[in-house]
Amino acid sequence: EEAERNGRWTTTLLFKAVRRLSERVKPEILDWWTQAWLLHVEGFHEARLDMEEVKVRVSRIKELVNLLWK
């Protein structure tokens, strides 16, 4: 609702939504999301992750994607 009113998602709203989703659906969602966020920021924007760090996170993020396709 707040994102619709503002016309966009902020980082704060996004993290709140993920936390609430993990509380209601599956606790691991928060961990998976955190890995995805870290990969996005540190791997894409900052380019500070080497291939091994990316591979470790991708395997965790796949669990989140698989949950969405169930």
PDB file of N, CA and C in Angstrom:
ATOM      1  N   GLU A   1       0.817  -1.201   0.000  1.00  0.00           N
ATOM      2  CA  GLU A   1       0.000   0.000   0.000  1.00  0.00           C
ATOM      3  C   GLU A   1       0.860   1.264   0.000  1.00  0.00           C
ATOM      4  N   GLU A   2       1.865   1.277   0.866  1.00  0.00           N
ATOM      5  CA  GLU A   2       2.717   2.461   0.938  1.00  0.00           C
ATOM      6  C   GLU A   2       3.519   2.646  -0.348  1.00  0.00           C
ATOM      7  N   ALA A   3       3.964   1.551  -0.926  1.00  0.00           N
ATOM      8  CA  ALA A   3       4.703   1.630  -2.190  1.00  0.00           C
ATOM      9  C   ALA A   3       3.807   2.182  -3.292  1.00  0.00           C
ATOM     10  N   GLU A   4       2.550   1.784  -3.292  1.00  0.00           N
ATOM     11  CA  GLU A   4       1.611   2.309  -4.289  1.00  0.00           C
ATOM     12  C   GLU A   4       1.377   3.798  -4.085  1.00  0.00           C
ATOM     13  N   ARG A   5       1.220   4.202  -2.838  1.00  0.00           N
ATOM     14  CA  ARG A   5       1.016   5.631  -2.555  1.00  0.00           C
ATOM     15  C   ARG A   5       2.217   6.458  -2.992  1.00  0.00           C
ATOM     16  N   ASN A   6       3.414   5.932  -2.727  1.00  0.00           N
ATOM     17  CA  ASN A   6       4.643   6.653  -3.074  1.00  0.00           C
ATOM     18  C   ASN A   6       5.019   6.508  -4.544  1.00  0.00           C
ATOM     19  N   GLY A   7       4.421   5.521  -5.202  1.00  0.00           N
ATOM     20  CA  GLY A   7       4.752   5.286  -6.600  1.00  0.00           C
ATOM     21  C   GLY A   7       6.056   4.544  -6.805  1.00  0.00           C
ATOM     22  N   ARG A   8       6.614   4.011  -5.712  1.00  0.00           N
ATOM     23  CA  ARG A   8       7.871   3.260  -5.827  1.00  0.00           C
ATOM     24  C   ARG A   8       8.151   2.504  -4.532  1.00  0.00           C
ATOM     25  N   TRP A   9       9.028   1.535  -4.658  1.00  0.00           N
ATOM     26  CA  TRP A   9       9.505   0.795  -3.497  1.00  0.00           C
ATOM     27  C   TRP A   9      10.796   1.435  -3.014  1.00  0.00           C
ATOM     28  N   THR A  10      10.889   1.652  -1.716  1.00  0.00           N
ATOM     29  CA  THR A  10      12.151   2.094  -1.128  1.00  0.00           C
ATOM     30  C   THR A  10      12.837   0.864  -0.540  1.00  0.00           C
ATOM     31  N   THR A  11      14.102   0.991  -0.253  1.00  0.00           N
ATOM     32  CA  THR A  11      14.824  -0.115   0.372  1.00  0.00           C
ATOM     33  C   THR A  11      14.186  -0.488   1.701  1.00  0.00           C
ATOM     34  N   THR A  12      13.801   0.502   2.475  1.00  0.00           N
ATOM     35  CA  THR A  12      13.171   0.247   3.773  1.00  0.00           C
ATOM     36  C   THR A  12      11.894  -0.556   3.613  1.00  0.00           C
ATOM     37  N   LEU A  13      11.038  -0.167   2.687  1.00  0.00           N
ATOM     38  CA  LEU A  13       9.790  -0.899   2.460  1.00  0.00           C
ATOM     39  C   LEU A  13      10.054  -2.314   1.962  1.00  0.00           C
ATOM     40  N   LEU A  14      11.007  -2.446   1.087  1.00  0.00           N
ATOM     41  CA  LEU A  14      11.332  -3.759   0.541  1.00  0.00           C
ATOM     42  C   LEU A  14      11.801  -4.711   1.640  1.00  0.00           C
ATOM     43  N   PHE A  15      12.679  -4.238   2.500  1.00  0.00           N
ATOM     44  CA  PHE A  15      13.168  -5.082   3.580  1.00  0.00           C
ATOM     45  C   PHE A  15      12.059  -5.416   4.577  1.00  0.00           C
ATOM     46  N   LYS A  16      11.172  -4.480   4.855  1.00  0.00           N
ATOM     47  CA  LYS A  16      10.027  -4.765   5.737  1.00  0.00           C
ATOM     48  C   LYS A  16       9.134  -5.835   5.127  1.00  0.00           C
ATOM     49  N   ALA A  17       8.883  -5.723   3.843  1.00  0.00           N
ATOM     50  CA  ALA A  17       8.021  -6.695   3.159  1.00  0.00           C
ATOM     51  C   ALA A  17       8.636  -8.090   3.200  1.00  0.00           C
ATOM     52  N   VAL A  18       9.923  -8.174   2.970  1.00  0.00           N
ATOM     53  CA  VAL A  18      10.601  -9.470   2.998  1.00  0.00           C
ATOM     54  C   VAL A  18      10.561 -10.055   4.411  1.00  0.00           C
ATOM     55  N   ARG A  19      10.778  -9.224   5.414  1.00  0.00           N
ATOM     56  CA  ARG A  19      10.724  -9.710   6.796  1.00  0.00           C
ATOM     57  C   ARG A  19       9.342 -10.247   7.123  1.00  0.00           C
ATOM     58  N   ARG A  20       8.318  -9.507   6.771  1.00  0.00           N
ATOM     59  CA  ARG A  20       6.945  -9.950   7.042  1.00  0.00           C
ATOM     60  C   ARG A  20       6.612 -11.234   6.287  1.00  0.00           C
ATOM     61  N   LEU A  21       7.047 -11.312   5.051  1.00  0.00           N
ATOM     62  CA  LEU A  21       6.821 -12.523   4.267  1.00  0.00           C
ATOM     63  C   LEU A  21       7.497 -13.724   4.924  1.00  0.00           C
ATOM     64  N   SER A  22       8.708 -13.531   5.396  1.00  0.00           N
ATOM     65  CA  SER A  22       9.421 -14.638   6.042  1.00  0.00           C
ATOM     66  C   SER A  22       8.741 -15.054   7.340  1.00  0.00           C
ATOM     67  N   GLU A  23       8.141 -14.112   8.041  1.00  0.00           N
ATOM     68  CA  GLU A  23       7.418 -14.437   9.276  1.00  0.00           C
ATOM     69  C   GLU A  23       6.144 -15.221   8.985  1.00  0.00           C
ATOM     70  N   ARG A  24       5.518 -14.944   7.863  1.00  0.00           N
ATOM     71  CA  ARG A  24       4.230 -15.555   7.538  1.00  0.00           C
ATOM     72  C   ARG A  24       4.333 -16.828   6.702  1.00  0.00           C
ATOM     73  N   VAL A  25       5.365 -16.926   5.890  1.00  0.00           N
ATOM     74  CA  VAL A  25       5.438 -18.036   4.938  1.00  0.00           C
ATOM     75  C   VAL A  25       6.539 -19.032   5.301  1.00  0.00           C
ATOM     76  N   LYS A  26       7.764 -18.543   5.357  1.00  0.00           N
ATOM     77  CA  LYS A  26       8.897 -19.446   5.597  1.00  0.00           C
ATOM     78  C   LYS A  26      10.071 -18.612   6.098  1.00  0.00           C
ATOM     79  N   PRO A  27      10.599 -18.913   7.279  1.00  0.00           N
ATOM     80  CA  PRO A  27      11.682 -18.105   7.849  1.00  0.00           C
ATOM     81  C   PRO A  27      12.917 -17.983   6.955  1.00  0.00           C
ATOM     82  N   GLU A  28      13.202 -19.009   6.168  1.00  0.00           N
ATOM     83  CA  GLU A  28      14.397 -18.984   5.320  1.00  0.00           C
ATOM     84  C   GLU A  28      14.352 -17.889   4.257  1.00  0.00           C
ATOM     85  N   ILE A  29      13.177 -17.386   3.959  1.00  0.00           N
ATOM     86  CA  ILE A  29      13.048 -16.336   2.937  1.00  0.00           C
ATOM     87  C   ILE A  29      13.933 -15.145   3.274  1.00  0.00           C
ATOM     88  N   LEU A  30      13.994 -14.787   4.537  1.00  0.00           N
ATOM     89  CA  LEU A  30      14.816 -13.649   4.945  1.00  0.00           C
ATOM     90  C   LEU A  30      16.288 -13.900   4.633  1.00  0.00           C
ATOM     91  N   ASP A  31      16.762 -15.092   4.923  1.00  0.00           N
ATOM     92  CA  ASP A  31      18.164 -15.426   4.628  1.00  0.00           C
ATOM     93  C   ASP A  31      18.427 -15.439   3.128  1.00  0.00           C
ATOM     94  N   TRP A  32      17.516 -16.027   2.373  1.00  0.00           N
ATOM     95  CA  TRP A  32      17.684 -16.081   0.919  1.00  0.00           C
ATOM     96  C   TRP A  32      17.702 -14.681   0.325  1.00  0.00           C
ATOM     97  N   TRP A  33      16.782 -13.839   0.804  1.00  0.00           N
ATOM     98  CA  TRP A  33      16.710 -12.466   0.310  1.00  0.00           C
ATOM     99  C   TRP A  33      17.991 -11.710   0.643  1.00  0.00           C
ATOM    100  N   THR A  34      18.506 -11.905   1.843  1.00  0.00           N
ATOM    101  CA  THR A  34      19.735 -11.224   2.249  1.00  0.00           C
ATOM    102  C   THR A  34      20.882 -11.602   1.322  1.00  0.00           C
ATOM    103  N   GLN A  35      20.961 -12.868   0.945  1.00  0.00           N
ATOM    104  CA  GLN A  35      21.998 -13.300   0.006  1.00  0.00           C
ATOM    105  C   GLN A  35      21.809 -12.645  -1.366  1.00  0.00           C
ATOM    106  N   ALA A  36      20.563 -12.549  -1.803  1.00  0.00           N
ATOM    107  CA  ALA A  36      20.278 -11.916  -3.097  1.00  0.00           C
ATOM    108  C   ALA A  36      20.646 -10.436  -3.068  1.00  0.00           C
ATOM    109  N   TRP A  37      20.314  -9.782  -1.987  1.00  0.00           N
ATOM    110  CA  TRP A  37      20.621  -8.351  -1.853  1.00  0.00           C
ATOM    111  C   TRP A  37      22.131  -8.131  -1.834  1.00  0.00           C
ATOM    112  N   LEU A  38      22.838  -8.958  -1.081  1.00  0.00           N
ATOM    113  CA  LEU A  38      24.290  -8.833  -1.016  1.00  0.00           C
ATOM    114  C   LEU A  38      24.914  -9.064  -2.392  1.00  0.00           C
ATOM    115  N   LEU A  39      24.421 -10.063  -3.097  1.00  0.00           N
ATOM    116  CA  LEU A  39      24.925 -10.321  -4.447  1.00  0.00           C
ATOM    117  C   LEU A  39      24.673  -9.120  -5.357  1.00  0.00           C
ATOM    118  N   HIS A  40      23.499  -8.546  -5.260  1.00  0.00           N
ATOM    119  CA  HIS A  40      23.155  -7.386  -6.081  1.00  0.00           C
ATOM    120  C   HIS A  40      24.075  -6.201  -5.780  1.00  0.00           C
ATOM    121  N   VAL A  41      24.215  -5.883  -4.510  1.00  0.00           N
ATOM    122  CA  VAL A  41      24.997  -4.697  -4.136  1.00  0.00           C
ATOM    123  C   VAL A  41      26.497  -4.944  -4.283  1.00  0.00           C
ATOM    124  N   GLU A  42      26.991  -5.975  -3.618  1.00  0.00           N
ATOM    125  CA  GLU A  42      28.442  -6.215  -3.604  1.00  0.00           C
ATOM    126  C   GLU A  42      28.957  -6.842  -4.897  1.00  0.00           C
ATOM    127  N   GLY A  43      28.122  -7.629  -5.542  1.00  0.00           N
ATOM    128  CA  GLY A  43      28.558  -8.278  -6.777  1.00  0.00           C
ATOM    129  C   GLY A  43      28.352  -7.435  -8.016  1.00  0.00           C
ATOM    130  N   PHE A  44      27.200  -6.764  -8.088  1.00  0.00           N
ATOM    131  CA  PHE A  44      26.881  -5.987  -9.281  1.00  0.00           C
ATOM    132  C   PHE A  44      27.348  -4.538  -9.152  1.00  0.00           C
ATOM    133  N   HIS A  45      26.828  -3.822  -8.168  1.00  0.00           N
ATOM    134  CA  HIS A  45      27.157  -2.401  -8.043  1.00  0.00           C
ATOM    135  C   HIS A  45      28.620  -2.152  -7.664  1.00  0.00           C
ATOM    136  N   GLU A  46      29.107  -2.893  -6.689  1.00  0.00           N
ATOM    137  CA  GLU A  46      30.451  -2.636  -6.173  1.00  0.00           C
ATOM    138  C   GLU A  46      31.533  -3.528  -6.790  1.00  0.00           C
ATOM    139  N   ALA A  47      31.134  -4.604  -7.434  1.00  0.00           N
ATOM    140  CA  ALA A  47      32.067  -5.551  -8.071  1.00  0.00           C
ATOM    141  C   ALA A  47      33.155  -6.024  -7.109  1.00  0.00           C
ATOM    142  N   ARG A  48      32.728  -6.379  -5.887  1.00  0.00           N
ATOM    143  CA  ARG A  48      33.690  -6.813  -4.876  1.00  0.00           C
ATOM    144  C   ARG A  48      33.660  -8.310  -4.596  1.00  0.00           C
ATOM    145  N   LEU A  49      32.814  -9.044  -5.285  1.00  0.00           N
ATOM    146  CA  LEU A  49      32.740 -10.484  -5.038  1.00  0.00           C
ATOM    147  C   LEU A  49      33.459 -11.247  -6.143  1.00  0.00           C
ATOM    148  N   ASP A  50      34.247 -12.229  -5.727  1.00  0.00           N
ATOM    149  CA  ASP A  50      34.868 -13.081  -6.738  1.00  0.00           C
ATOM    150  C   ASP A  50      33.887 -14.191  -7.124  1.00  0.00           C
ATOM    151  N   MET A  51      34.262 -14.992  -8.095  1.00  0.00           N
ATOM    152  CA  MET A  51      33.363 -16.004  -8.636  1.00  0.00           C
ATOM    153  C   MET A  51      32.914 -17.005  -7.574  1.00  0.00           C
ATOM    154  N   GLU A  52      33.797 -17.385  -6.689  1.00  0.00           N
ATOM    155  CA  GLU A  52      33.435 -18.341  -5.634  1.00  0.00           C
ATOM    156  C   GLU A  52      32.336 -17.768  -4.731  1.00  0.00           C
ATOM    157  N   GLU A  53      32.444 -16.509  -4.370  1.00  0.00           N
ATOM    158  CA  GLU A  53      31.421 -15.869  -3.530  1.00  0.00           C
ATOM    159  C   GLU A  53      30.086 -15.772  -4.269  1.00  0.00           C
ATOM    160  N   VAL A  54      30.149 -15.510  -5.555  1.00  0.00           N
ATOM    161  CA  VAL A  54      28.920 -15.450  -6.359  1.00  0.00           C
ATOM    162  C   VAL A  54      28.262 -16.824  -6.405  1.00  0.00           C
ATOM    163  N   LYS A  55      29.034 -17.866  -6.665  1.00  0.00           N
ATOM    164  CA  LYS A  55      28.484 -19.224  -6.765  1.00  0.00           C
ATOM    165  C   LYS A  55      27.791 -19.653  -5.476  1.00  0.00           C
ATOM    166  N   VAL A  56      28.394 -19.353  -4.348  1.00  0.00           N
ATOM    167  CA  VAL A  56      27.802 -19.720  -3.059  1.00  0.00           C
ATOM    168  C   VAL A  56      26.446 -19.044  -2.894  1.00  0.00           C
ATOM    169  N   ARG A  57      26.362 -17.791  -3.256  1.00  0.00           N
ATOM    170  CA  ARG A  57      25.113 -17.048  -3.085  1.00  0.00           C
ATOM    171  C   ARG A  57      24.049 -17.458  -4.102  1.00  0.00           C
ATOM    172  N   VAL A  58      24.460 -17.747  -5.305  1.00  0.00           N
ATOM    173  CA  VAL A  58      23.495 -18.151  -6.334  1.00  0.00           C
ATOM    174  C   VAL A  58      22.769 -19.423  -5.915  1.00  0.00           C
ATOM    175  N   SER A  59      23.469 -20.354  -5.328  1.00  0.00           N
ATOM    176  CA  SER A  59      22.805 -21.594  -4.904  1.00  0.00           C
ATOM    177  C   SER A  59      21.746 -21.312  -3.847  1.00  0.00           C
ATOM    178  N   ARG A  60      21.974 -20.358  -2.977  1.00  0.00           N
ATOM    179  CA  ARG A  60      20.976 -19.984  -1.964  1.00  0.00           C
ATOM    180  C   ARG A  60      19.811 -19.228  -2.592  1.00  0.00           C
ATOM    181  N   ILE A  61      20.114 -18.373  -3.527  1.00  0.00           N
ATOM    182  CA  ILE A  61      19.074 -17.573  -4.181  1.00  0.00           C
ATOM    183  C   ILE A  61      18.152 -18.471  -5.002  1.00  0.00           C
ATOM    184  N   LYS A  62      18.683 -19.541  -5.565  1.00  0.00           N
ATOM    185  CA  LYS A  62      17.851 -20.485  -6.324  1.00  0.00           C
ATOM    186  C   LYS A  62      16.746 -21.061  -5.450  1.00  0.00           C
ATOM    187  N   GLU A  63      17.011 -21.228  -4.156  1.00  0.00           N
ATOM    188  CA  GLU A  63      15.990 -21.738  -3.248  1.00  0.00           C
ATOM    189  C   GLU A  63      14.813 -20.766  -3.163  1.00  0.00           C
ATOM    190  N   LEU A  64      15.109 -19.485  -3.161  1.00  0.00           N
ATOM    191  CA  LEU A  64      14.051 -18.470  -3.140  1.00  0.00           C
ATOM    192  C   LEU A  64      13.251 -18.508  -4.440  1.00  0.00           C
ATOM    193  N   VAL A  65      13.932 -18.590  -5.555  1.00  0.00           N
ATOM    194  CA  VAL A  65      13.260 -18.651  -6.855  1.00  0.00           C
ATOM    195  C   VAL A  65      12.397 -19.905  -6.947  1.00  0.00           C
ATOM    196  N   ASN A  66      12.919 -21.026  -6.488  1.00  0.00           N
ATOM    197  CA  ASN A  66      12.148 -22.274  -6.516  1.00  0.00           C
ATOM    198  C   ASN A  66      10.887 -22.178  -5.668  1.00  0.00           C
ATOM    199  N   LEU A  67      10.954 -21.505  -4.548  1.00  0.00           N
ATOM    200  CA  LEU A  67       9.775 -21.313  -3.709  1.00  0.00           C
ATOM    201  C   LEU A  67       8.702 -20.535  -4.467  1.00  0.00           C
ATOM    202  N   LEU A  68       9.109 -19.559  -5.236  1.00  0.00           N
ATOM    203  CA  LEU A  68       8.159 -18.742  -5.994  1.00  0.00           C
ATOM    204  C   LEU A  68       7.456 -19.539  -7.079  1.00  0.00           C
ATOM    205  N   TRP A  69       8.122 -20.558  -7.614  1.00  0.00           N
ATOM    206  CA  TRP A  69       7.545 -21.340  -8.701  1.00  0.00           C
ATOM    207  C   TRP A  69       6.716 -22.522  -8.224  1.00  0.00           C
ATOM    208  N   LYS A  70       6.604 -22.706  -6.913  1.00  0.00           N
ATOM    209  CA  LYS A  70       5.790 -23.818  -6.374  1.00  0.00           C
ATOM    210  C   LYS A  70       4.317 -23.520  -6.496  1.00  0.00           C
TER     211      LYS A  70
END
